[in-house]
């Protein structure tokens, strides 16, 4: 589990507070994050001290995938949809505090109107320079798994068994049954 915004492990000596280059010896290199994660999971299953392991994304890229064309209809529609949720939330708080269910409808209408106006102003401010929607993602060209030098050779041996494929163990079933 990662702790992106702090938490109990944030001040641990093992987790630096400032950006710090990773340390350790490379024990595996993978084309996808899923493969790197699977290798670390396999190390954990083999009772390897995974606290000594780091996954490092190398050759980082920001990938923006275009989802579709942005039109006034979509802008107004998405503004209204987000306004419904905000309006229901505010309306529910008002209805609860005033003991008046009509406040729910007032909050709903107010949320929709406010969100549609805000979305329209934001879209108009772009003046047609970004008429598409997209989703961005930070990806790496490869993912290296590093281990503390004291355990690096053992990690390589364990990962070599993973690369050879399942031979035995609780998750493996013999082809003969």
Protein backbone atom coordinates (compact mmCIF):
# COMPACT_ATOMS: atom_id res chain seq x y z
CA UNK A 1 0.00 0.00 0.00
CA UNK A 2 1.32 3.44 -0.85
CA UNK A 3 0.85 6.55 1.24
CA UNK A 4 0.69 9.37 -1.33
CA UNK A 5 -0.08 12.26 1.02
CA UNK A 6 1.61 11.22 4.21
CA UNK A 7 0.22 9.19 7.03
CA UNK A 8 1.70 6.94 9.69
CA UNK A 9 4.84 5.99 7.74
CA UNK A 10 5.58 9.49 6.44
CA UNK A 11 8.28 10.36 8.99
CA UNK A 12 9.93 6.94 8.91
CA UNK A 13 13.69 7.05 8.28
CA UNK A 14 13.16 4.65 5.35
CA UNK A 15 10.86 7.13 3.58
CA UNK A 16 12.67 10.38 2.75
CA UNK A 17 10.72 13.63 2.99
CA UNK A 18 12.51 15.14 -0.01
CA UNK A 19 12.79 13.65 -3.49
CA UNK A 20 15.74 11.26 -3.31
CA UNK A 21 17.20 9.03 -6.02
CA UNK A 22 16.57 5.35 -5.36
CA UNK A 23 19.31 3.11 -4.03
CA UNK A 24 19.94 -0.58 -4.41
CA UNK A 25 21.05 -3.06 -7.00
CA UNK A 26 18.87 -3.90 -9.99
CA UNK A 27 17.36 -7.38 -9.67
CA UNK A 28 14.83 -7.21 -12.50
CA UNK A 29 13.61 -5.00 -15.33
CA UNK A 30 10.06 -5.13 -16.68
CA UNK A 31 8.14 -3.60 -19.56
CA UNK A 32 5.01 -2.86 -17.50
CA UNK A 33 4.28 -1.78 -13.96
CA UNK A 34 2.01 -4.80 -13.57
CA UNK A 35 4.94 -7.15 -14.22
CA UNK A 36 7.15 -5.29 -11.73
CA UNK A 37 4.39 -5.37 -9.13
CA UNK A 38 3.85 -9.08 -9.75
CA UNK A 39 7.57 -9.72 -9.22
CA UNK A 40 7.56 -7.90 -5.88
CA UNK A 41 4.41 -9.76 -4.87
CA UNK A 42 6.19 -13.03 -5.74
CA UNK A 43 9.17 -11.97 -3.62
CA UNK A 44 6.77 -11.31 -0.72
CA UNK A 45 5.16 -14.73 -1.22
CA UNK A 46 8.64 -16.28 -0.96
CA UNK A 47 9.13 -14.45 2.38
CA UNK A 48 11.74 -12.12 0.92
CA UNK A 49 12.21 -8.89 2.97
CA UNK A 50 10.33 -6.64 0.53
CA UNK A 51 11.01 -3.62 2.73
CA UNK A 52 14.40 -3.61 0.97
CA UNK A 53 12.79 -3.43 -2.51
CA UNK A 54 12.00 -0.40 -4.68
CA UNK A 55 10.16 -0.19 -8.00
CA UNK A 56 11.61 2.56 -10.19
CA UNK A 57 9.94 3.88 -13.33
CA UNK A 58 12.61 4.79 -15.91
CA UNK A 59 12.17 7.01 -18.99
CA UNK A 60 9.04 8.75 -17.72
CA UNK A 61 6.44 10.03 -20.19
CA UNK A 62 3.26 12.01 -19.79
CA UNK A 63 0.67 10.31 -22.00
CA UNK A 64 -2.49 12.22 -22.86
CA UNK A 65 -5.17 10.11 -24.48
CA UNK A 66 -7.84 12.07 -26.35
CA UNK A 67 -11.29 10.86 -25.39
CA UNK A 68 -13.52 12.94 -27.63
CA UNK A 69 -14.55 16.27 -29.09
CA UNK A 70 -15.70 18.97 -26.69
CA UNK A 71 -18.88 20.82 -27.69
CA UNK A 72 -21.15 23.33 -25.97
CA UNK A 73 -23.67 20.52 -25.43
CA UNK A 74 -21.12 18.39 -23.62
CA UNK A 75 -19.88 21.33 -21.56
CA UNK A 76 -23.42 22.23 -20.43
CA UNK A 77 -24.32 18.58 -19.84
CA UNK A 78 -21.26 17.79 -17.74
CA UNK A 79 -21.71 21.06 -15.83
CA UNK A 80 -25.31 20.12 -15.06
CA UNK A 81 -24.35 16.59 -14.03
CA UNK A 82 -21.71 17.77 -11.59
CA UNK A 83 -24.09 20.42 -10.32
CA UNK A 84 -26.70 17.79 -9.50
CA UNK A 85 -24.34 16.08 -7.06
CA UNK A 86 -23.18 19.30 -5.44
CA UNK A 87 -26.73 20.63 -5.31
CA UNK A 88 -28.05 17.45 -3.71
CA UNK A 89 -25.32 17.62 -1.09
CA UNK A 90 -25.94 21.27 -0.23
CA UNK A 91 -29.71 20.78 -0.45
CA UNK A 92 -29.57 17.80 1.90
CA UNK A 93 -27.59 19.83 4.44
CA UNK A 94 -30.06 22.70 4.18
CA UNK A 95 -33.07 20.39 4.40
CA UNK A 96 -31.64 18.64 7.45
CA UNK A 97 -30.68 21.84 9.29
CA UNK A 98 -33.96 23.65 8.48
CA UNK A 99 -36.19 20.58 8.73
CA UNK A 100 -37.69 21.58 5.38
CA UNK A 101 -37.61 19.19 2.42
CA UNK A 102 -38.16 22.06 -0.06
CA UNK A 103 -34.56 23.07 0.62
CA UNK A 104 -33.44 19.91 -1.15
CA UNK A 105 -34.99 21.13 -4.42
CA UNK A 106 -33.58 24.64 -3.93
CA UNK A 107 -30.10 23.23 -3.38
CA UNK A 108 -30.44 20.98 -6.43
CA UNK A 109 -31.51 23.81 -8.76
CA UNK A 110 -28.89 26.16 -7.35
CA UNK A 111 -26.13 23.58 -7.80
CA UNK A 112 -27.09 22.89 -11.41
CA UNK A 113 -27.36 26.58 -12.33
CA UNK A 114 -24.06 27.48 -10.65
CA UNK A 115 -22.17 24.55 -12.21
CA UNK A 116 -23.54 25.19 -15.71
CA UNK A 117 -22.58 28.88 -15.53
CA UNK A 118 -19.11 28.04 -14.20
CA UNK A 119 -18.52 25.37 -16.89
CA UNK A 120 -19.72 27.72 -19.66
CA UNK A 121 -17.45 30.55 -18.51
CA UNK A 122 -14.46 28.18 -18.26
CA UNK A 123 -15.08 26.76 -21.74
CA UNK A 124 -15.64 30.19 -23.28
CA UNK A 125 -12.34 31.38 -21.80
CA UNK A 126 -10.44 28.80 -23.88
CA UNK A 127 -11.73 30.45 -27.10
CA UNK A 128 -11.71 27.16 -28.98
CA UNK A 129 -8.05 26.38 -28.29
CA UNK A 130 -8.85 23.09 -26.57
CA UNK A 131 -11.96 21.56 -28.11
CA UNK A 132 -11.35 18.02 -26.87
CA UNK A 133 -11.41 16.05 -23.67
CA UNK A 134 -8.54 13.86 -22.59
CA UNK A 135 -7.11 11.76 -19.81
CA UNK A 136 -3.48 12.11 -18.73
CA UNK A 137 -1.26 9.49 -17.20
CA UNK A 138 2.39 9.33 -16.14
CA UNK A 139 3.99 6.12 -17.47
CA UNK A 140 7.51 4.77 -17.71
CA UNK A 141 9.35 3.14 -20.58
CA UNK A 142 10.41 0.35 -18.20
CA UNK A 143 10.19 -0.51 -14.52
CA UNK A 144 13.28 -1.63 -12.63
CA UNK A 145 13.10 -3.51 -9.36
CA UNK A 146 15.95 -2.66 -7.00
CA UNK A 147 16.97 -4.44 -3.83
CA UNK A 148 19.27 -3.54 -0.97
CA UNK A 149 22.71 -4.98 -1.77
CA UNK A 150 22.60 -7.39 1.20
CA UNK A 151 19.67 -9.26 -0.40
CA UNK A 152 20.15 -8.55 -4.13
CA UNK A 153 21.59 -11.94 -5.09
CA UNK A 154 18.79 -13.77 -3.29
CA UNK A 155 16.21 -11.56 -5.02
CA UNK A 156 17.71 -12.40 -8.42
CA UNK A 157 17.53 -16.12 -7.62
CA UNK A 158 13.89 -15.90 -6.51
CA UNK A 159 12.90 -13.83 -9.56
CA UNK A 160 14.68 -16.31 -11.84
CA UNK A 161 12.29 -18.97 -10.52
CA UNK A 162 9.35 -16.68 -11.38
CA UNK A 163 10.72 -16.16 -14.90
CA UNK A 164 10.96 -19.93 -15.41
CA UNK A 165 7.25 -20.27 -14.72
CA UNK A 166 5.27 -22.23 -12.13
CA UNK A 167 6.88 -25.54 -11.20
CA UNK A 168 5.41 -26.27 -7.79
CA UNK A 169 3.68 -24.60 -4.91
CA UNK A 170 0.21 -24.05 -3.50
CA UNK A 171 -1.10 -22.18 -6.57
CA UNK A 172 0.21 -24.74 -9.08
CA UNK A 173 -1.78 -27.75 -10.21
CA UNK A 174 -0.15 -30.69 -11.86
CA UNK A 175 -1.33 -31.27 -15.45
CA UNK A 176 -1.99 -34.90 -14.49
CA UNK A 177 -4.37 -33.84 -11.78
